[in-house]
Amino acid sequence: MGEKPKVAFYWCASCGGCEEAVIDLAEDILKVVEAVDIVFWPVALDFKKSDIEAMEDGSIAVSFINGAVRLSEQEEMVKLLRKKSQLVVAFGTCAHLGGIPGLANFWDKESIFNRAYHTTPSTDNPEGVVPQEKSTVDGKELYLPSFFNTVYALNQVIDVDYYLPGCAPPRDLIMNAVQAILEGNLPPKGSVLSPNKALCEDCDRNETKPEKLAIKDIKRPWEVILDPETCFLAQGVI
């Protein structure tokens, strides 16, 4: 049996949902494990940065990277994985487009720190302590990654080969992407690895969707009692 393709998973500024999406493959994840050698997945297994540094450039078949890039440590890791990988997939909305973390770009670093460590109703920080990149504790110097003033999508930091959309990507898209990579049956570089169709096409409520849909009022799910058999768009829920 030949050597299995090496695969890496890494998360940056994200909620962990993309990691859950991989776990949610359930029994299908066993097929993935049988087909590939997972050489880096720090959120789930005990791998070290030094393990990746010791590998030859291009020795990883594909790295799936989720989350936006917010910290210097994340920037360093994605650049390292780019160097060691033949392919890089931006996994999920945050890596693809910035996602929810990208909303922080409406404020600068100082405003974010002020809100998080001083002015939230739940903050109990009478000494006004905020994270420092360098500090000394018991005579030892400790370091934290730099907090960038901007949140970056993955392709603003490194070259990205493919994009797997979703918050988080659904299991069918993940499995189809893995299969396409293993079989070498990939679209042109820069493609989004998803069907070119709307979610409505796969929805069980599609037959109840009005031909001419007009949403007069947008409602949140908790503001309305939804009819589970009727198109949610027609009920004002996006």
Protein backbone atom coordinates (compact mmCIF):
# COMPACT_ATOMS: atom_id res chain seq x y z
CA MET A 1 0.00 0.00 0.00
CA GLY A 2 1.36 3.42 -0.96
CA GLU A 3 1.80 6.29 1.42
CA LYS A 4 -1.43 8.07 2.29
CA PRO A 5 -1.83 11.73 1.31
CA LYS A 6 -1.00 14.00 4.24
CA VAL A 7 -3.76 16.35 5.41
CA ALA A 8 -3.71 19.23 7.89
CA PHE A 9 -6.50 21.11 9.69
CA TYR A 10 -5.99 24.46 11.37
CA TRP A 11 -8.24 27.10 12.92
CA CYS A 12 -7.66 30.82 13.20
CA ALA A 13 -10.23 33.39 14.43
CA SER A 14 -13.33 31.21 14.49
CA CYS A 15 -16.02 29.86 16.79
CA GLY A 16 -15.07 26.18 16.51
CA GLY A 17 -18.10 25.36 14.36
CA CYS A 18 -15.93 24.28 11.43
CA GLU A 19 -14.13 21.83 13.70
CA GLU A 20 -17.53 20.53 14.80
CA ALA A 21 -18.47 20.14 11.13
CA VAL A 22 -15.55 17.76 10.64
CA ILE A 23 -16.57 15.75 13.71
CA ASP A 24 -20.18 15.78 12.48
CA LEU A 25 -19.10 13.67 9.52
CA ALA A 26 -19.85 10.87 12.01
CA GLU A 27 -19.06 7.48 10.47
CA ASP A 28 -17.90 9.19 7.26
CA ILE A 29 -14.90 10.57 9.13
CA LEU A 30 -13.64 6.99 9.35
CA LYS A 31 -13.52 6.91 5.56
CA VAL A 32 -11.45 10.09 5.62
CA VAL A 33 -9.08 8.69 8.25
CA GLU A 34 -8.65 5.50 6.22
CA ALA A 35 -7.82 7.47 3.07
CA VAL A 36 -5.47 10.13 4.48
CA ASP A 37 -2.83 10.69 7.13
CA ILE A 38 -3.84 13.61 9.38
CA VAL A 39 -0.49 15.19 10.27
CA PHE A 40 -1.75 18.36 11.97
CA TRP A 41 -5.00 19.15 13.80
CA PRO A 42 -4.10 20.99 17.00
CA VAL A 43 -7.68 21.49 18.18
CA ALA A 44 -8.24 17.73 18.31
CA LEU A 45 -4.86 16.00 18.50
CA ASP A 46 -1.50 16.68 20.10
CA PHE A 47 0.53 18.03 17.21
CA LYS A 48 3.17 20.73 17.50
CA LYS A 49 4.27 23.55 15.25
CA SER A 50 7.72 21.95 15.19
CA ASP A 51 6.19 18.86 13.56
CA ILE A 52 5.16 20.96 10.57
CA GLU A 53 8.42 22.91 10.47
CA ALA A 54 10.33 19.62 10.19
CA MET A 55 8.35 18.49 7.13
CA GLU A 56 9.55 19.06 3.58
CA ASP A 57 7.95 21.87 1.62
CA GLY A 58 4.93 20.65 -0.34
CA SER A 59 4.74 17.37 1.56
CA ILE A 60 1.18 18.01 2.80
CA ALA A 61 -1.39 17.23 0.13
CA VAL A 62 -3.95 19.72 1.42
CA SER A 63 -4.45 22.01 4.39
CA PHE A 64 -7.99 22.92 5.42
CA ILE A 65 -7.79 26.27 7.21
CA ASN A 66 -10.82 27.80 8.88
CA GLY A 67 -11.30 31.15 10.57
CA ALA A 68 -10.19 34.67 9.73
CA VAL A 69 -6.66 35.88 10.47
CA ARG A 70 -6.57 38.22 13.47
CA LEU A 71 -3.32 37.43 15.34
CA SER A 72 0.34 37.34 14.36
CA GLU A 73 0.48 33.69 15.46
CA GLN A 74 -2.31 32.84 13.01
CA GLU A 75 -0.53 34.69 10.22
CA GLU A 76 2.68 32.79 10.95
CA MET A 77 0.92 29.42 11.01
CA VAL A 78 -1.03 29.88 7.77
CA LYS A 79 2.12 31.01 5.97
CA LEU A 80 3.92 27.92 7.29
CA LEU A 81 1.09 25.64 6.17
CA ARG A 82 1.02 27.31 2.76
CA LYS A 83 4.72 26.57 2.37
CA LYS A 84 4.31 22.93 3.38
CA SER A 85 1.10 22.25 1.39
CA GLN A 86 0.37 21.48 -2.22
CA LEU A 87 -3.18 22.79 -1.81
CA VAL A 88 -4.83 25.14 0.67
CA VAL A 89 -8.60 25.21 1.13
CA ALA A 90 -10.28 28.15 2.86
CA PHE A 91 -12.70 26.14 4.99
CA GLY A 92 -15.89 27.97 5.94
CA THR A 93 -17.20 31.51 5.75
CA CYS A 94 -14.67 33.15 8.07
CA ALA A 95 -11.64 31.94 6.11
CA HIS A 96 -13.45 32.56 2.82
CA LEU A 97 -14.87 36.03 3.43
CA GLY A 98 -14.00 37.14 6.97
CA GLY A 99 -17.32 36.05 8.47
CA ILE A 100 -18.51 37.22 11.87
CA PRO A 101 -14.94 38.03 13.09
CA GLY A 102 -14.63 40.35 10.10
CA LEU A 103 -17.33 42.61 11.58
CA ALA A 104 -14.65 43.78 14.01
CA ASN A 105 -13.21 45.82 11.13
CA PHE A 106 -15.85 48.44 11.91
CA TRP A 107 -13.72 49.32 14.96
CA ASP A 108 -10.02 49.73 15.64
CA LYS A 109 -7.98 47.69 18.09
CA GLU A 110 -8.18 50.28 20.87
CA SER A 111 -11.99 50.47 20.65
CA ILE A 112 -12.29 46.69 20.81
CA PHE A 113 -9.99 46.39 23.82
CA ASN A 114 -11.78 49.24 25.58
CA ARG A 115 -15.14 47.54 25.10
CA ALA A 116 -13.95 44.05 26.01
CA TYR A 117 -11.86 44.95 29.06
CA HIS A 118 -13.45 48.15 30.40
CA THR A 119 -17.03 49.00 29.43
CA THR A 120 -19.06 45.80 29.08
CA PRO A 121 -21.70 45.42 31.84
CA SER A 122 -20.10 42.17 33.00
CA THR A 123 -16.52 43.47 33.15
CA ASP A 124 -14.88 43.27 36.59
CA ASN A 125 -11.48 44.80 35.95
CA PRO A 126 -10.83 47.56 38.54
CA GLU A 127 -7.11 47.71 37.71
CA GLY A 128 -7.82 48.19 34.01
CA VAL A 129 -5.65 45.28 32.92
CA VAL A 130 -5.48 44.62 29.18
CA PRO A 131 -3.46 41.97 27.31
CA GLN A 132 0.14 42.95 26.59
CA GLU A 133 2.37 41.43 23.94
CA LYS A 134 5.18 41.26 26.51
CA SER A 135 4.99 41.00 30.29
CA THR A 136 7.15 39.81 33.16
CA VAL A 137 5.89 37.36 35.78
CA ASP A 138 8.16 36.08 38.56
CA GLY A 139 11.17 37.36 36.66
CA LYS A 140 10.24 35.54 33.47
CA GLU A 141 9.29 37.25 30.22
CA LEU A 142 6.01 36.06 28.73
CA TYR A 143 4.74 36.82 25.24
CA LEU A 144 1.35 36.94 23.52
CA PRO A 145 0.71 37.16 19.77
CA SER A 146 0.15 40.60 18.26
CA PHE A 147 -3.50 41.59 17.86
CA PHE A 148 -3.84 43.10 14.39
CA ASN A 149 -5.83 46.26 13.79
CA THR A 150 -7.55 44.47 10.88
CA VAL A 151 -9.23 41.08 10.45
CA TYR A 152 -8.16 39.37 7.22
CA ALA A 153 -9.78 36.72 5.06
CA LEU A 154 -7.34 33.89 4.35
CA ASN A 155 -6.63 34.93 0.75
CA GLN A 156 -5.53 38.35 1.98
CA VAL A 157 -2.64 36.66 3.78
CA ILE A 158 -1.68 33.63 1.67
CA ASP A 159 -2.44 32.15 -1.73
CA VAL A 160 -5.61 30.02 -1.54
CA ASP A 161 -6.40 27.26 -4.03
CA TYR A 162 -10.05 26.53 -3.23
CA TYR A 163 -12.92 27.75 -1.09
CA LEU A 164 -15.38 25.59 0.85
CA PRO A 165 -18.30 27.83 1.88
CA GLY A 166 -20.71 27.61 4.77
CA CYS A 167 -21.05 28.48 8.43
CA ALA A 168 -20.11 25.73 8.93
CA PRO A 169 -19.69 23.82 5.63
CA PRO A 170 -22.31 21.04 5.42
CA ARG A 171 -21.12 17.45 5.53
CA ASP A 172 -21.98 16.73 1.88
CA LEU A 173 -19.79 19.59 0.69
CA ILE A 174 -16.94 18.45 2.93
CA MET A 175 -17.09 14.86 1.71
CA ASN A 176 -17.41 15.93 -1.93
CA ALA A 177 -14.40 18.21 -1.55
CA VAL A 178 -12.28 15.50 0.08
CA GLN A 179 -13.27 13.03 -2.62
CA ALA A 180 -12.47 15.49 -5.41
CA ILE A 181 -9.05 16.20 -3.90
CA LEU A 182 -8.21 12.50 -3.44
CA GLU A 183 -9.29 11.70 -6.98
CA GLY A 184 -7.60 14.75 -8.48
CA ASN A 185 -10.94 15.76 -9.95
CA LEU A 186 -10.77 19.44 -9.10
CA PRO A 187 -12.13 22.53 -10.89
CA PRO A 188 -9.85 25.44 -11.85
CA LYS A 189 -7.86 27.06 -9.08
CA GLY A 190 -9.84 29.67 -7.18
CA SER A 191 -13.13 27.82 -7.50
CA VAL A 192 -15.72 27.56 -4.75
CA LEU A 193 -16.31 23.87 -4.03
CA SER A 194 -20.09 23.95 -3.93
CA PRO A 195 -22.97 23.39 -6.35
CA ASN A 196 -24.04 26.35 -8.44
CA LYS A 197 -27.57 26.42 -7.08
CA ALA A 198 -29.62 28.06 -4.35
CA LEU A 199 -30.45 26.37 -1.06
CA CYS A 200 -34.13 26.58 -2.04
CA GLU A 201 -33.60 23.85 -4.65
CA ASP A 202 -32.92 21.28 -1.93
CA CYS A 203 -35.50 22.55 0.55
CA ASP A 204 -38.51 20.39 1.40
CA ARG A 205 -40.63 23.55 1.53
CA ASN A 206 -39.71 24.65 -2.00
CA GLU A 207 -43.15 23.82 -3.40
CA THR A 208 -44.73 26.36 -1.05
CA LYS A 209 -42.43 29.20 -2.12
CA PRO A 210 -44.45 31.88 -3.99
CA GLU A 211 -43.56 32.38 -7.63
CA LYS A 212 -43.23 36.10 -7.01
CA LEU A 213 -41.75 36.39 -3.55
CA ALA A 214 -42.02 39.75 -1.80
CA ILE A 215 -40.76 40.07 1.76
CA LYS A 216 -42.43 43.09 3.34
CA ASP A 217 -41.13 42.59 6.87
CA ILE A 218 -38.01 40.69 7.90
CA LYS A 219 -38.59 38.76 11.12
CA ARG A 220 -36.24 36.91 13.42
CA PRO A 221 -37.21 33.32 14.28
CA TRP A 222 -38.15 34.22 17.86
CA GLU A 223 -40.52 36.96 16.65
CA VAL A 224 -42.91 34.66 14.82
CA ILE A 225 -44.43 31.20 15.23
CA LEU A 226 -43.33 29.51 12.03
CA ASP A 227 -45.40 27.08 10.02
CA PRO A 228 -42.85 24.26 9.54
CA GLU A 229 -44.51 23.16 6.29
CA THR A 230 -44.37 26.57 4.59
CA CYS A 231 -41.46 28.41 2.96
CA PHE A 232 -39.66 30.43 5.63
CA LEU A 233 -38.92 33.24 3.17
CA ALA A 234 -42.64 33.63 2.55
CA GLN A 235 -43.04 34.00 6.32
CA GLY A 236 -40.45 36.77 6.47
CA VAL A 237 -37.59 34.74 7.94
CA ILE A 238 -34.34 34.75 6.00
